[in-house]
Amino acid sequence: MPPHRLPRSFPYCHPSNLWRGAKCFVLLATLALAGCASNATNQQAQADTKRSARDQYLSYTQADPLGAYLATKDYPQNTPPKTTKALATTALNLLGIKYRFGGETPNTGFDCSGLVSYAAEKSLGLKLPRSSAEMAREGESVKTTELRRGDLVFFNTRGHRNSHVGIYLGNKKFVHAPRAGAVVRVESMDIAYWKKRYNGARRLATNNTSDMLAIN
């Protein structure tokens, strides 16, 4: 019986084809290994970079732990100085609190100077004298036509100058603790009672020009 021969339509069993297939396999395997080696190299480089950054951070925190902690906080770098606008805003948050002679906290109630003293400390960090007459010697004098939000306005309500104090809001309005039986409230300086008794104003801090609200 003659030896069996593979059909001509089965070319991959030919020795030359097998040799070429083997070479292709070796080439593909080499490229795959090269790719793996390249990826491993990149991963190692990234790991080294992260390790270096971590080591630098750890060395910094060991040298200055408080500084490193503060560095993680989102504190404003260029905080503008506080102005007396904040004084007025703080006082407005106290509207409706009852009047109490000698009172100087929201829990006890406020008299006129107690309200101003409390608002100044909370908003500006200022420790003001306790009486309105002493407050009238703080800061600088302000003309009526140059009043700004947050200026202190003084009145004669007891037969002597500067016996009452409030905080100017602009548009001829001020916030104050008026008298027994009343609450912290906003009033107009154009009312005849206050207009007649107005003694002047003082400025505790410098505002921006844009904050100016003059009385016309």
N, C-alpha and C. Protein backbone atom coordinates (compact mmCIF):
# COMPACT_ATOMS: atom_id res chain seq x y z
N MET A 1 0.87 -1.20 0.00
CA MET A 1 0.00 0.00 0.00
C MET A 1 0.90 1.24 0.00
N PRO A 2 0.61 2.20 -0.86
CA PRO A 2 1.45 3.41 -0.92
C PRO A 2 1.26 4.23 0.35
N PRO A 3 2.32 4.99 0.74
CA PRO A 3 2.22 5.83 1.97
C PRO A 3 1.14 6.90 1.81
N HIS A 4 0.51 7.23 2.98
CA HIS A 4 -0.51 8.26 2.97
C HIS A 4 0.12 9.63 2.79
N ARG A 5 -0.51 10.45 2.03
CA ARG A 5 -0.05 11.84 1.84
C ARG A 5 -1.17 12.82 2.25
N LEU A 6 -0.73 13.91 2.84
CA LEU A 6 -1.71 14.93 3.25
C LEU A 6 -2.20 15.68 2.05
N PRO A 7 -3.43 16.09 2.07
CA PRO A 7 -3.96 16.84 0.92
C PRO A 7 -3.22 18.15 0.77
N ARG A 8 -3.16 18.63 -0.49
CA ARG A 8 -2.48 19.90 -0.76
C ARG A 8 -3.20 21.08 -0.10
N SER A 9 -4.50 20.88 0.22
CA SER A 9 -5.26 21.98 0.85
C SER A 9 -4.94 22.14 2.32
N PHE A 10 -3.99 21.39 2.87
CA PHE A 10 -3.60 21.48 4.28
C PHE A 10 -2.17 21.97 4.35
N PRO A 11 -1.91 23.26 4.08
CA PRO A 11 -0.55 23.75 3.91
C PRO A 11 0.20 23.91 5.21
N TYR A 12 -0.49 24.02 6.37
CA TYR A 12 0.23 24.34 7.61
C TYR A 12 1.06 23.18 8.14
N CYS A 13 0.90 22.03 7.62
CA CYS A 13 1.71 20.90 8.05
C CYS A 13 3.00 20.79 7.27
N HIS A 14 3.15 21.62 6.25
CA HIS A 14 4.39 21.59 5.48
C HIS A 14 5.52 22.06 6.38
N PRO A 15 6.67 21.43 6.33
CA PRO A 15 7.79 21.79 7.21
C PRO A 15 8.12 23.27 7.16
N SER A 16 8.08 23.87 5.96
CA SER A 16 8.46 25.30 5.88
C SER A 16 7.43 26.16 6.60
N ASN A 17 6.15 25.77 6.50
CA ASN A 17 5.12 26.54 7.19
C ASN A 17 5.23 26.39 8.70
N LEU A 18 5.54 25.19 9.14
CA LEU A 18 5.73 24.97 10.58
C LEU A 18 6.88 25.81 11.11
N TRP A 19 7.94 25.92 10.37
CA TRP A 19 9.11 26.71 10.79
C TRP A 19 8.76 28.18 10.90
N ARG A 20 7.99 28.69 9.90
CA ARG A 20 7.59 30.10 9.95
C ARG A 20 6.65 30.35 11.13
N GLY A 21 5.75 29.41 11.41
CA GLY A 21 4.84 29.55 12.53
C GLY A 21 5.58 29.60 13.86
N ALA A 22 6.62 28.75 13.95
CA ALA A 22 7.41 28.73 15.18
C ALA A 22 8.10 30.07 15.40
N LYS A 23 8.64 30.63 14.28
CA LYS A 23 9.32 31.91 14.40
C LYS A 23 8.34 33.00 14.82
N CYS A 24 7.11 33.00 14.26
CA CYS A 24 6.10 33.99 14.64
C CYS A 24 5.75 33.89 16.12
N PHE A 25 5.63 32.63 16.59
CA PHE A 25 5.30 32.43 18.00
C PHE A 25 6.38 32.99 18.90
N VAL A 26 7.65 32.71 18.53
CA VAL A 26 8.77 33.20 19.34
C VAL A 26 8.78 34.73 19.34
N LEU A 27 8.51 35.34 18.16
CA LEU A 27 8.50 36.80 18.06
C LEU A 27 7.41 37.40 18.93
N LEU A 28 6.20 36.84 18.88
CA LEU A 28 5.09 37.35 19.68
C LEU A 28 5.37 37.21 21.17
N ALA A 29 5.93 36.08 21.55
CA ALA A 29 6.25 35.86 22.96
C ALA A 29 7.27 36.87 23.44
N THR A 30 8.26 37.17 22.59
CA THR A 30 9.30 38.14 22.95
C THR A 30 8.71 39.52 23.16
N LEU A 31 7.78 39.91 22.22
CA LEU A 31 7.15 41.22 22.34
C LEU A 31 6.29 41.31 23.60
N ALA A 32 5.59 40.22 23.90
CA ALA A 32 4.74 40.20 25.09
C ALA A 32 5.57 40.37 26.34
N LEU A 33 6.69 39.63 26.39
CA LEU A 33 7.58 39.73 27.56
C LEU A 33 8.18 41.11 27.67
N ALA A 34 8.51 41.70 26.51
CA ALA A 34 9.07 43.05 26.52
C ALA A 34 8.05 44.04 27.04
N GLY A 35 6.77 43.86 26.62
CA GLY A 35 5.71 44.74 27.11
C GLY A 35 5.54 44.60 28.60
N CYS A 36 5.57 43.38 29.11
CA CYS A 36 5.44 43.16 30.54
C CYS A 36 6.60 43.81 31.29
N ALA A 37 7.79 43.68 30.72
CA ALA A 37 8.96 44.27 31.35
C ALA A 37 8.85 45.78 31.37
N SER A 38 8.33 46.34 30.25
CA SER A 38 8.18 47.79 30.18
C SER A 38 7.15 48.29 31.19
N ASN A 39 6.01 47.56 31.30
CA ASN A 39 4.99 47.94 32.26
C ASN A 39 5.52 47.85 33.69
N ALA A 40 6.28 46.81 33.94
CA ALA A 40 6.84 46.63 35.28
C ALA A 40 7.79 47.78 35.61
N THR A 41 8.56 48.20 34.59
CA THR A 41 9.50 49.30 34.81
C THR A 41 8.75 50.59 35.13
N ASN A 42 7.67 50.87 34.37
CA ASN A 42 6.87 52.07 34.62
C ASN A 42 6.22 52.04 35.99
N GLN A 43 5.68 50.90 36.37
CA GLN A 43 5.06 50.77 37.67
C GLN A 43 6.06 50.99 38.80
N GLN A 44 7.27 50.45 38.59
CA GLN A 44 8.30 50.62 39.60
C GLN A 44 8.68 52.08 39.74
N ALA A 45 8.77 52.80 38.60
CA ALA A 45 9.12 54.22 38.62
C ALA A 45 8.06 55.03 39.36
N GLN A 46 6.77 54.70 39.09
CA GLN A 46 5.69 55.41 39.77
C GLN A 46 5.72 55.14 41.27
N ALA A 47 5.99 53.90 41.64
CA ALA A 47 6.06 53.55 43.05
C ALA A 47 7.19 54.29 43.74
N ASP A 48 8.34 54.40 43.05
CA ASP A 48 9.48 55.12 43.62
C ASP A 48 9.15 56.59 43.83
N THR A 49 8.41 57.19 42.87
CA THR A 49 8.03 58.61 42.99
C THR A 49 7.10 58.83 44.18
N LYS A 50 6.09 57.95 44.31
CA LYS A 50 5.16 58.07 45.43
C LYS A 50 5.89 57.87 46.76
N ARG A 51 6.83 56.91 46.79
CA ARG A 51 7.57 56.65 48.02
C ARG A 51 8.41 57.85 48.41
N SER A 52 9.00 58.48 47.40
CA SER A 52 9.82 59.65 47.67
C SER A 52 8.98 60.79 48.23
N ALA A 53 7.82 61.02 47.63
CA ALA A 53 6.92 62.09 48.12
C ALA A 53 6.47 61.80 49.53
N ARG A 54 6.14 60.51 49.80
CA ARG A 54 5.71 60.14 51.13
C ARG A 54 6.81 60.36 52.16
N ASP A 55 8.05 59.98 51.79
CA ASP A 55 9.18 60.15 52.70
C ASP A 55 9.41 61.62 53.02
N GLN A 56 9.28 62.48 51.99
CA GLN A 56 9.46 63.91 52.22
C GLN A 56 8.39 64.45 53.16
N TYR A 57 7.13 64.01 52.96
CA TYR A 57 6.04 64.48 53.81
C TYR A 57 6.24 64.02 55.26
N LEU A 58 6.64 62.74 55.43
CA LEU A 58 6.85 62.22 56.77
C LEU A 58 7.98 62.95 57.48
N SER A 59 9.05 63.24 56.74
CA SER A 59 10.16 63.96 57.36
C SER A 59 9.73 65.35 57.77
N TYR A 60 8.84 65.97 56.97
CA TYR A 60 8.35 67.32 57.29
C TYR A 60 7.45 67.29 58.52
N THR A 61 6.55 66.30 58.59
CA THR A 61 5.63 66.24 59.72
C THR A 61 6.38 65.92 61.01
N GLN A 62 7.44 65.15 60.91
CA GLN A 62 8.22 64.86 62.11
C GLN A 62 8.95 66.09 62.60
N ALA A 63 9.40 66.95 61.65
CA ALA A 63 10.12 68.15 62.03
C ALA A 63 9.19 69.24 62.51
N ASP A 64 7.99 69.30 61.93
CA ASP A 64 7.05 70.38 62.25
C ASP A 64 5.62 69.84 62.20
N PRO A 65 5.22 69.02 63.18
CA PRO A 65 3.89 68.39 63.12
C PRO A 65 2.75 69.40 63.12
N LEU A 66 2.86 70.49 63.90
CA LEU A 66 1.79 71.48 63.92
C LEU A 66 1.68 72.18 62.58
N GLY A 67 2.84 72.54 62.02
CA GLY A 67 2.82 73.20 60.71
C GLY A 67 2.23 72.31 59.64
N ALA A 68 2.55 71.01 59.70
CA ALA A 68 2.01 70.08 58.71
C ALA A 68 0.50 69.95 58.86
N TYR A 69 0.03 69.96 60.11
CA TYR A 69 -1.41 69.86 60.33
C TYR A 69 -2.12 71.10 59.80
N LEU A 70 -1.58 72.28 60.12
CA LEU A 70 -2.20 73.52 59.66
C LEU A 70 -2.16 73.63 58.15
N ALA A 71 -1.13 73.05 57.54
CA ALA A 71 -1.00 73.14 56.08
C ALA A 71 -2.13 72.40 55.38
N THR A 72 -2.76 71.44 56.08
CA THR A 72 -3.86 70.69 55.48
C THR A 72 -5.18 71.43 55.60
N LYS A 73 -5.20 72.50 56.40
CA LYS A 73 -6.43 73.25 56.60
C LYS A 73 -6.60 74.30 55.53
N ASP A 74 -7.83 74.56 55.18
CA ASP A 74 -8.12 75.51 54.11
C ASP A 74 -8.35 76.90 54.71
N TYR A 75 -7.27 77.49 55.24
CA TYR A 75 -7.37 78.82 55.81
C TYR A 75 -7.15 79.86 54.73
N PRO A 76 -7.90 80.98 54.74
CA PRO A 76 -7.65 82.04 53.76
C PRO A 76 -6.28 82.64 53.97
N GLN A 77 -5.54 82.85 52.89
CA GLN A 77 -4.18 83.35 52.99
C GLN A 77 -4.14 84.86 53.15
N ASN A 78 -5.09 85.56 52.55
CA ASN A 78 -5.08 87.02 52.61
C ASN A 78 -6.43 87.53 53.11
N THR A 79 -6.67 87.30 54.39
CA THR A 79 -7.94 87.70 54.97
C THR A 79 -7.97 89.21 55.14
N PRO A 80 -8.94 89.89 54.55
CA PRO A 80 -8.97 91.34 54.69
C PRO A 80 -9.29 91.74 56.12
N PRO A 81 -8.82 92.89 56.58
CA PRO A 81 -9.11 93.33 57.94
C PRO A 81 -10.60 93.56 58.13
N LYS A 82 -11.06 93.31 59.36
CA LYS A 82 -12.47 93.50 59.65
C LYS A 82 -12.78 95.00 59.66
N THR A 83 -13.98 95.34 59.26
CA THR A 83 -14.44 96.73 59.29
C THR A 83 -15.67 96.83 60.17
N THR A 84 -16.08 98.05 60.45
CA THR A 84 -17.23 98.22 61.34
C THR A 84 -18.54 97.81 60.70
N LYS A 85 -18.54 97.44 59.42
CA LYS A 85 -19.75 96.86 58.83
C LYS A 85 -20.13 95.60 59.60
N ALA A 86 -19.11 94.83 60.03
CA ALA A 86 -19.38 93.61 60.78
C ALA A 86 -20.04 93.92 62.12
N LEU A 87 -19.72 95.07 62.70
CA LEU A 87 -20.34 95.48 63.95
C LEU A 87 -21.84 95.65 63.78
N ALA A 88 -22.24 96.31 62.71
CA ALA A 88 -23.67 96.51 62.44
C ALA A 88 -24.37 95.19 62.17
N THR A 89 -23.72 94.31 61.41
CA THR A 89 -24.33 93.01 61.09
C THR A 89 -24.56 92.19 62.35
N THR A 90 -23.59 92.19 63.25
CA THR A 90 -23.72 91.44 64.50
C THR A 90 -24.86 91.98 65.34
N ALA A 91 -24.97 93.30 65.42
CA ALA A 91 -26.04 93.90 66.20
C ALA A 91 -27.41 93.55 65.63
N LEU A 92 -27.51 93.51 64.30
CA LEU A 92 -28.80 93.17 63.68
C LEU A 92 -29.21 91.73 63.97
N ASN A 93 -28.25 90.88 64.24
CA ASN A 93 -28.57 89.50 64.61
C ASN A 93 -29.16 89.40 66.01
N LEU A 94 -29.13 90.50 66.74
CA LEU A 94 -29.63 90.51 68.12
C LEU A 94 -30.98 91.22 68.25
N LEU A 95 -31.60 91.53 67.12
CA LEU A 95 -32.91 92.19 67.15
C LEU A 95 -33.91 91.36 67.96
N GLY A 96 -34.73 92.06 68.74
CA GLY A 96 -35.78 91.38 69.49
C GLY A 96 -35.38 90.98 70.90
N ILE A 97 -34.09 91.08 71.24
CA ILE A 97 -33.67 90.74 72.60
C ILE A 97 -34.12 91.87 73.54
N LYS A 98 -34.64 91.50 74.68
CA LYS A 98 -35.24 92.48 75.60
C LYS A 98 -34.21 93.44 76.18
N TYR A 99 -34.68 94.63 76.52
CA TYR A 99 -33.83 95.60 77.21
C TYR A 99 -33.70 95.21 78.68
N ARG A 100 -32.49 95.37 79.18
CA ARG A 100 -32.28 95.20 80.62
C ARG A 100 -31.16 96.12 81.05
N PHE A 101 -31.43 96.95 82.03
CA PHE A 101 -30.42 97.88 82.51
C PHE A 101 -29.22 97.09 83.06
N GLY A 102 -28.04 97.41 82.55
CA GLY A 102 -26.83 96.70 82.96
C GLY A 102 -26.60 95.40 82.21
N GLY A 103 -27.54 95.01 81.35
CA GLY A 103 -27.41 93.75 80.61
C GLY A 103 -26.38 93.85 79.51
N GLU A 104 -25.64 92.77 79.32
CA GLU A 104 -24.58 92.79 78.32
C GLU A 104 -24.39 91.47 77.57
N THR A 105 -25.37 90.58 77.66
CA THR A 105 -25.34 89.33 76.91
C THR A 105 -26.74 89.04 76.37
N PRO A 106 -26.84 88.21 75.32
CA PRO A 106 -28.18 87.86 74.80
C PRO A 106 -29.04 87.15 75.83
N ASN A 107 -28.41 86.41 76.74
CA ASN A 107 -29.18 85.66 77.74
C ASN A 107 -29.79 86.56 78.80
N THR A 108 -29.08 87.62 79.15
CA THR A 108 -29.57 88.50 80.21
C THR A 108 -30.37 89.67 79.66
N GLY A 109 -30.16 90.00 78.38
CA GLY A 109 -30.73 91.21 77.80
C GLY A 109 -29.65 92.27 77.69
N PHE A 110 -29.97 93.39 77.04
CA PHE A 110 -28.99 94.45 76.81
C PHE A 110 -29.53 95.81 77.21
N ASP A 111 -28.64 96.66 77.74
CA ASP A 111 -28.91 98.08 77.70
C ASP A 111 -28.15 98.63 76.49
N CYS A 112 -28.21 99.95 76.27
CA CYS A 112 -27.66 100.48 75.02
C CYS A 112 -26.16 100.22 74.87
N SER A 113 -25.39 100.50 75.91
CA SER A 113 -23.93 100.30 75.82
C SER A 113 -23.57 98.82 75.89
N GLY A 114 -24.40 98.03 76.58
CA GLY A 114 -24.15 96.59 76.64
C GLY A 114 -24.26 95.95 75.26
N LEU A 115 -25.24 96.39 74.49
CA LEU A 115 -25.42 95.89 73.13
C LEU A 115 -24.20 96.23 72.26
N VAL A 116 -23.76 97.49 72.31
CA VAL A 116 -22.63 97.92 71.50
C VAL A 116 -21.35 97.20 71.93
N SER A 117 -21.15 97.09 73.22
CA SER A 117 -19.95 96.42 73.74
C SER A 117 -19.90 94.96 73.30
N TYR A 118 -21.02 94.28 73.42
CA TYR A 118 -21.10 92.86 73.04
C TYR A 118 -20.84 92.69 71.55
N ALA A 119 -21.50 93.51 70.72
CA ALA A 119 -21.34 93.39 69.27
C ALA A 119 -19.91 93.72 68.83
N ALA A 120 -19.28 94.70 69.48
CA ALA A 120 -17.91 95.07 69.11
C ALA A 120 -16.92 93.96 69.43
N GLU A 121 -17.12 93.31 70.56
CA GLU A 121 -16.20 92.22 70.92
C GLU A 121 -16.39 91.01 70.02
N LYS A 122 -17.64 90.69 69.71
CA LYS A 122 -17.91 89.52 68.88
C LYS A 122 -17.48 89.72 67.43
N SER A 123 -17.67 90.91 66.90
CA SER A 123 -17.42 91.13 65.47
C SER A 123 -16.02 91.65 65.19
N LEU A 124 -15.49 92.50 66.07
CA LEU A 124 -14.20 93.14 65.82
C LEU A 124 -13.11 92.74 66.80
N GLY A 125 -13.49 92.03 67.85
CA GLY A 125 -12.50 91.67 68.86
C GLY A 125 -12.09 92.85 69.71
N LEU A 126 -12.93 93.90 69.78
CA LEU A 126 -12.61 95.10 70.53
C LEU A 126 -13.25 95.05 71.91
N LYS A 127 -12.49 95.44 72.91
CA LYS A 127 -13.01 95.58 74.27
C LYS A 127 -13.29 97.06 74.50
N LEU A 128 -14.55 97.44 74.47
CA LEU A 128 -14.92 98.83 74.65
C LEU A 128 -15.24 99.14 76.11
N PRO A 129 -15.11 100.41 76.49
CA PRO A 129 -15.57 100.79 77.83
C PRO A 129 -17.05 100.45 77.98
N ARG A 130 -17.48 100.33 79.20
CA ARG A 130 -18.85 99.84 79.43
C ARG A 130 -19.91 100.92 79.30
N SER A 131 -19.58 102.18 79.52
CA SER A 131 -20.61 103.22 79.45
C SER A 131 -20.58 103.95 78.12
N SER A 132 -21.72 104.49 77.72
CA SER A 132 -21.80 105.20 76.45
C SER A 132 -20.95 106.46 76.47
N ALA A 133 -20.86 107.15 77.62
CA ALA A 133 -20.05 108.36 77.71
C ALA A 133 -18.57 108.05 77.48
N GLU A 134 -18.11 106.92 77.99
CA GLU A 134 -16.71 106.52 77.77
C GLU A 134 -16.49 106.07 76.32
N MET A 135 -17.48 105.40 75.74
CA MET A 135 -17.37 104.99 74.34
C MET A 135 -17.22 106.19 73.41
N ALA A 136 -17.84 107.31 73.82
CA ALA A 136 -17.80 108.52 72.99
C ALA A 136 -16.40 109.11 72.89
N ARG A 137 -15.46 108.55 73.67
CA ARG A 137 -14.07 109.01 73.58
C ARG A 137 -13.20 108.05 72.76
N GLU A 138 -13.80 106.96 72.28
CA GLU A 138 -13.08 105.97 71.49
C GLU A 138 -13.10 106.34 70.00
N GLY A 139 -12.12 105.84 69.25
CA GLY A 139 -12.11 106.03 67.80
C GLY A 139 -11.92 107.49 67.43
N GLU A 140 -12.53 107.87 66.32
CA GLU A 140 -12.41 109.23 65.82
C GLU A 140 -13.78 109.82 65.54
N SER A 141 -13.86 111.12 65.66
CA SER A 141 -15.13 111.81 65.43
C SER A 141 -15.51 111.75 63.95
N VAL A 142 -16.81 111.66 63.69
CA VAL A 142 -17.32 111.57 62.32
C VAL A 142 -18.39 112.63 62.11
N LYS A 143 -18.28 113.35 61.01
CA LYS A 143 -19.31 114.34 60.68
C LYS A 143 -20.61 113.63 60.30
N THR A 144 -21.71 114.31 60.54
CA THR A 144 -23.01 113.74 60.22
C THR A 144 -23.13 113.38 58.74
N THR A 145 -22.54 114.20 57.89
CA THR A 145 -22.64 113.96 56.45
C THR A 145 -21.70 112.86 55.97
N GLU A 146 -20.87 112.32 56.87
CA GLU A 146 -19.91 111.29 56.49
C GLU A 146 -20.12 109.97 57.23
N LEU A 147 -21.30 109.81 57.79
CA LEU A 147 -21.59 108.59 58.54
C LEU A 147 -21.52 107.36 57.64
N ARG A 148 -20.99 106.28 58.20
CA ARG A 148 -20.92 105.00 57.51
C ARG A 148 -21.55 103.91 58.37
N ARG A 149 -21.94 102.86 57.71
CA ARG A 149 -22.50 101.69 58.41
C ARG A 149 -21.49 101.19 59.45
N GLY A 150 -21.93 101.07 60.68
CA GLY A 150 -21.07 100.58 61.74
C GLY A 150 -20.52 101.67 62.65
N ASP A 151 -20.72 102.95 62.29
CA ASP A 151 -20.30 104.03 63.19
C ASP A 151 -21.19 104.03 64.43
N LEU A 152 -20.63 104.49 65.54
CA LEU A 152 -21.42 104.63 66.76
C LEU A 152 -22.07 106.01 66.78
N VAL A 153 -23.37 106.05 67.05
CA VAL A 153 -24.10 107.32 67.11
C VAL A 153 -24.57 107.55 68.55
N PHE A 154 -24.43 108.81 69.02
CA PHE A 154 -24.68 109.14 70.42
C PHE A 154 -25.80 110.17 70.56
N PHE A 155 -26.53 110.03 71.68
CA PHE A 155 -27.68 110.90 71.92
C PHE A 155 -27.71 111.32 73.39
N ASN A 156 -28.40 112.43 73.64
CA ASN A 156 -28.62 112.92 74.99
C ASN A 156 -30.05 112.56 75.39
N THR A 157 -30.18 111.51 76.18
CA THR A 157 -31.53 111.07 76.59
C THR A 157 -31.76 111.22 78.09
N ARG A 158 -30.75 111.65 78.84
CA ARG A 158 -30.89 111.76 80.30
C ARG A 158 -30.40 113.10 80.82
N GLY A 159 -30.41 114.07 79.94
CA GLY A 159 -30.02 115.39 80.40
C GLY A 159 -28.53 115.64 80.34
N HIS A 160 -27.76 114.71 79.80
CA HIS A 160 -26.32 114.96 79.63
C HIS A 160 -25.84 114.27 78.34
N ARG A 161 -24.76 114.80 77.77
CA ARG A 161 -24.29 114.34 76.48
C ARG A 161 -23.90 112.86 76.51
N ASN A 162 -24.15 112.22 75.36
CA ASN A 162 -23.69 110.84 75.12
C ASN A 162 -24.20 109.86 76.17
N SER A 163 -25.43 110.06 76.62
CA SER A 163 -26.02 109.15 77.60
C SER A 163 -26.68 107.94 76.93
N HIS A 164 -26.73 107.95 75.59
CA HIS A 164 -27.31 106.83 74.85
C HIS A 164 -26.48 106.59 73.59
N VAL A 165 -26.32 105.32 73.19
CA VAL A 165 -25.51 104.97 72.02
C VAL A 165 -26.22 103.91 71.19
N GLY A 166 -26.04 104.01 69.88
CA GLY A 166 -26.54 103.00 68.95
C GLY A 166 -25.52 102.79 67.84
N ILE A 167 -25.85 101.93 66.89
CA ILE A 167 -24.94 101.60 65.79
C ILE A 167 -25.61 101.99 64.48
N TYR A 168 -24.93 102.82 63.72
CA TYR A 168 -25.51 103.34 62.48
C TYR A 168 -25.57 102.25 61.41
N LEU A 169 -26.68 102.24 60.66
CA LEU A 169 -26.90 101.22 59.63
C LEU A 169 -26.87 101.79 58.21
N GLY A 170 -26.99 103.10 58.09
CA GLY A 170 -27.13 103.71 56.78
C GLY A 170 -28.56 104.16 56.55
N ASN A 171 -28.73 105.09 55.60
CA ASN A 171 -30.07 105.61 55.28
C ASN A 171 -30.77 106.18 56.50
N LYS A 172 -29.97 106.79 57.39
CA LYS A 172 -30.49 107.47 58.59
C LYS A 172 -31.13 106.50 59.59
N LYS A 173 -30.77 105.23 59.53
CA LYS A 173 -31.29 104.23 60.46
C LYS A 173 -30.17 103.80 61.43
N PHE A 174 -30.57 103.42 62.64
CA PHE A 174 -29.60 102.88 63.60
C PHE A 174 -30.27 101.79 64.42
N VAL A 175 -29.45 100.89 64.95
CA VAL A 175 -29.95 99.80 65.79
C VAL A 175 -29.48 100.08 67.22
N HIS A 176 -30.37 99.82 68.19
CA HIS A 176 -30.02 100.12 69.59
C HIS A 176 -30.96 99.38 70.53
N ALA A 177 -30.60 99.42 71.81
CA ALA A 177 -31.47 98.92 72.87
C ALA A 177 -32.04 100.15 73.56
N PRO A 178 -33.29 100.51 73.31
CA PRO A 178 -33.79 101.84 73.67
C PRO A 178 -34.10 102.09 75.15
N ARG A 179 -34.89 101.23 75.76
CA ARG A 179 -35.37 101.55 77.12
C ARG A 179 -36.03 100.33 77.73
N ALA A 180 -36.33 100.43 79.03
CA ALA A 180 -37.01 99.34 79.74
C ALA A 180 -38.37 99.06 79.09
N GLY A 181 -38.70 97.81 78.95
CA GLY A 181 -39.96 97.41 78.35
C GLY A 181 -39.88 97.27 76.85
N ALA A 182 -38.75 97.64 76.24
CA ALA A 182 -38.58 97.53 74.79
C ALA A 182 -37.57 96.43 74.48
N VAL A 183 -37.29 96.27 73.19
CA VAL A 183 -36.32 95.26 72.74
C VAL A 183 -35.34 95.93 71.78
N VAL A 184 -34.26 95.23 71.48
CA VAL A 184 -33.29 95.73 70.49
C VAL A 184 -34.02 95.91 69.17
N ARG A 185 -33.91 97.09 68.57
CA ARG A 185 -34.69 97.39 67.37
C ARG A 185 -33.99 98.44 66.52
N VAL A 186 -34.53 98.65 65.32
CA VAL A 186 -34.02 99.65 64.38
C VAL A 186 -34.96 100.84 64.39
N GLU A 187 -34.36 102.04 64.44
CA GLU A 187 -35.16 103.26 64.38
C GLU A 187 -34.51 104.26 63.42
N SER A 188 -35.28 105.29 63.10
CA SER A 188 -34.79 106.33 62.19
C SER A 188 -34.27 107.52 62.99
N MET A 189 -33.13 108.04 62.58
CA MET A 189 -32.58 109.23 63.20
C MET A 189 -33.35 110.48 62.79
N ASP A 190 -34.25 110.35 61.84
CA ASP A 190 -35.07 111.48 61.39
C ASP A 190 -36.27 111.72 62.29
N ILE A 191 -36.55 110.74 63.17
CA ILE A 191 -37.63 110.96 64.13
C ILE A 191 -37.27 112.16 65.00
N ALA A 192 -38.24 113.02 65.26
CA ALA A 192 -37.98 114.27 65.97
C ALA A 192 -37.25 114.05 67.30
N TYR A 193 -37.65 113.00 68.03
CA TYR A 193 -37.03 112.73 69.34
C TYR A 193 -35.53 112.53 69.20
N TRP A 194 -35.12 111.67 68.24
CA TRP A 194 -33.69 111.36 68.09
C TRP A 194 -32.95 112.49 67.39
N LYS A 195 -33.60 113.12 66.47
CA LYS A 195 -32.96 114.23 65.74
C LYS A 195 -32.61 115.37 66.70
N LYS A 196 -33.47 115.63 67.66
CA LYS A 196 -33.25 116.70 68.62
C LYS A 196 -32.13 116.35 69.59
N ARG A 197 -31.95 115.08 69.88
CA ARG A 197 -31.01 114.65 70.91
C ARG A 197 -29.67 114.11 70.38
N TYR A 198 -29.51 114.13 69.08
CA TYR A 198 -28.29 113.60 68.47
C TYR A 198 -27.07 114.44 68.89
N ASN A 199 -25.99 113.75 69.36
CA ASN A 199 -24.79 114.43 69.84
C ASN A 199 -23.57 114.26 68.95
N GLY A 200 -23.62 113.32 68.00
CA GLY A 200 -22.45 113.08 67.16
C GLY A 200 -22.16 111.60 66.99
N ALA A 201 -21.05 111.29 66.32
CA ALA A 201 -20.72 109.90 66.01
C ALA A 201 -19.22 109.66 66.13
N ARG A 202 -18.87 108.40 66.35
CA ARG A 202 -17.46 107.99 66.43
C ARG A 202 -17.26 106.76 65.55
N ARG A 203 -16.08 106.64 64.98
CA ARG A 203 -15.74 105.49 64.13
C ARG A 203 -14.64 104.67 64.80
N LEU A 204 -14.91 103.39 65.00
CA LEU A 204 -13.97 102.52 65.70
C LEU A 204 -12.92 101.94 64.77
N ALA A 205 -13.25 101.77 63.49
CA ALA A 205 -12.31 101.17 62.55
C ALA A 205 -12.50 101.82 61.20
N THR A 206 -11.53 101.62 60.33
CA THR A 206 -11.58 102.24 59.01
C THR A 206 -12.31 101.35 58.04
N ASN A 207 -13.36 101.86 57.41
CA ASN A 207 -14.10 101.14 56.38
C ASN A 207 -13.55 101.48 55.00
N ASN A 208 -13.94 100.71 54.01
CA ASN A 208 -13.64 101.07 52.62
C ASN A 208 -14.53 102.22 52.20
N THR A 209 -14.07 103.00 51.25
CA THR A 209 -14.85 104.14 50.77
C THR A 209 -16.20 103.70 50.26
N SER A 210 -16.25 102.50 49.66
CA SER A 210 -17.51 102.02 49.09
C SER A 210 -18.55 101.72 50.15
N ASP A 211 -18.12 101.63 51.42
CA ASP A 211 -19.06 101.34 52.50
C ASP A 211 -19.78 102.60 52.98
N MET A 212 -19.41 103.75 52.49
CA MET A 212 -19.95 104.99 53.02
C MET A 212 -21.44 105.13 52.71
N LEU A 213 -22.18 105.48 53.74
CA LEU A 213 -23.62 105.73 53.57
C LEU A 213 -23.93 107.04 54.28
N ALA A 214 -23.84 108.13 53.61
CA ALA A 214 -23.98 109.43 54.24
C ALA A 214 -25.44 109.80 54.47
N ILE A 215 -25.66 110.59 55.49
CA ILE A 215 -26.99 111.15 55.73
C ILE A 215 -27.13 112.41 54.89
N ASN A 216 -28.18 112.51 54.13
CA ASN A 216 -28.41 113.69 53.30
C ASN A 216 -29.41 114.63 54.00
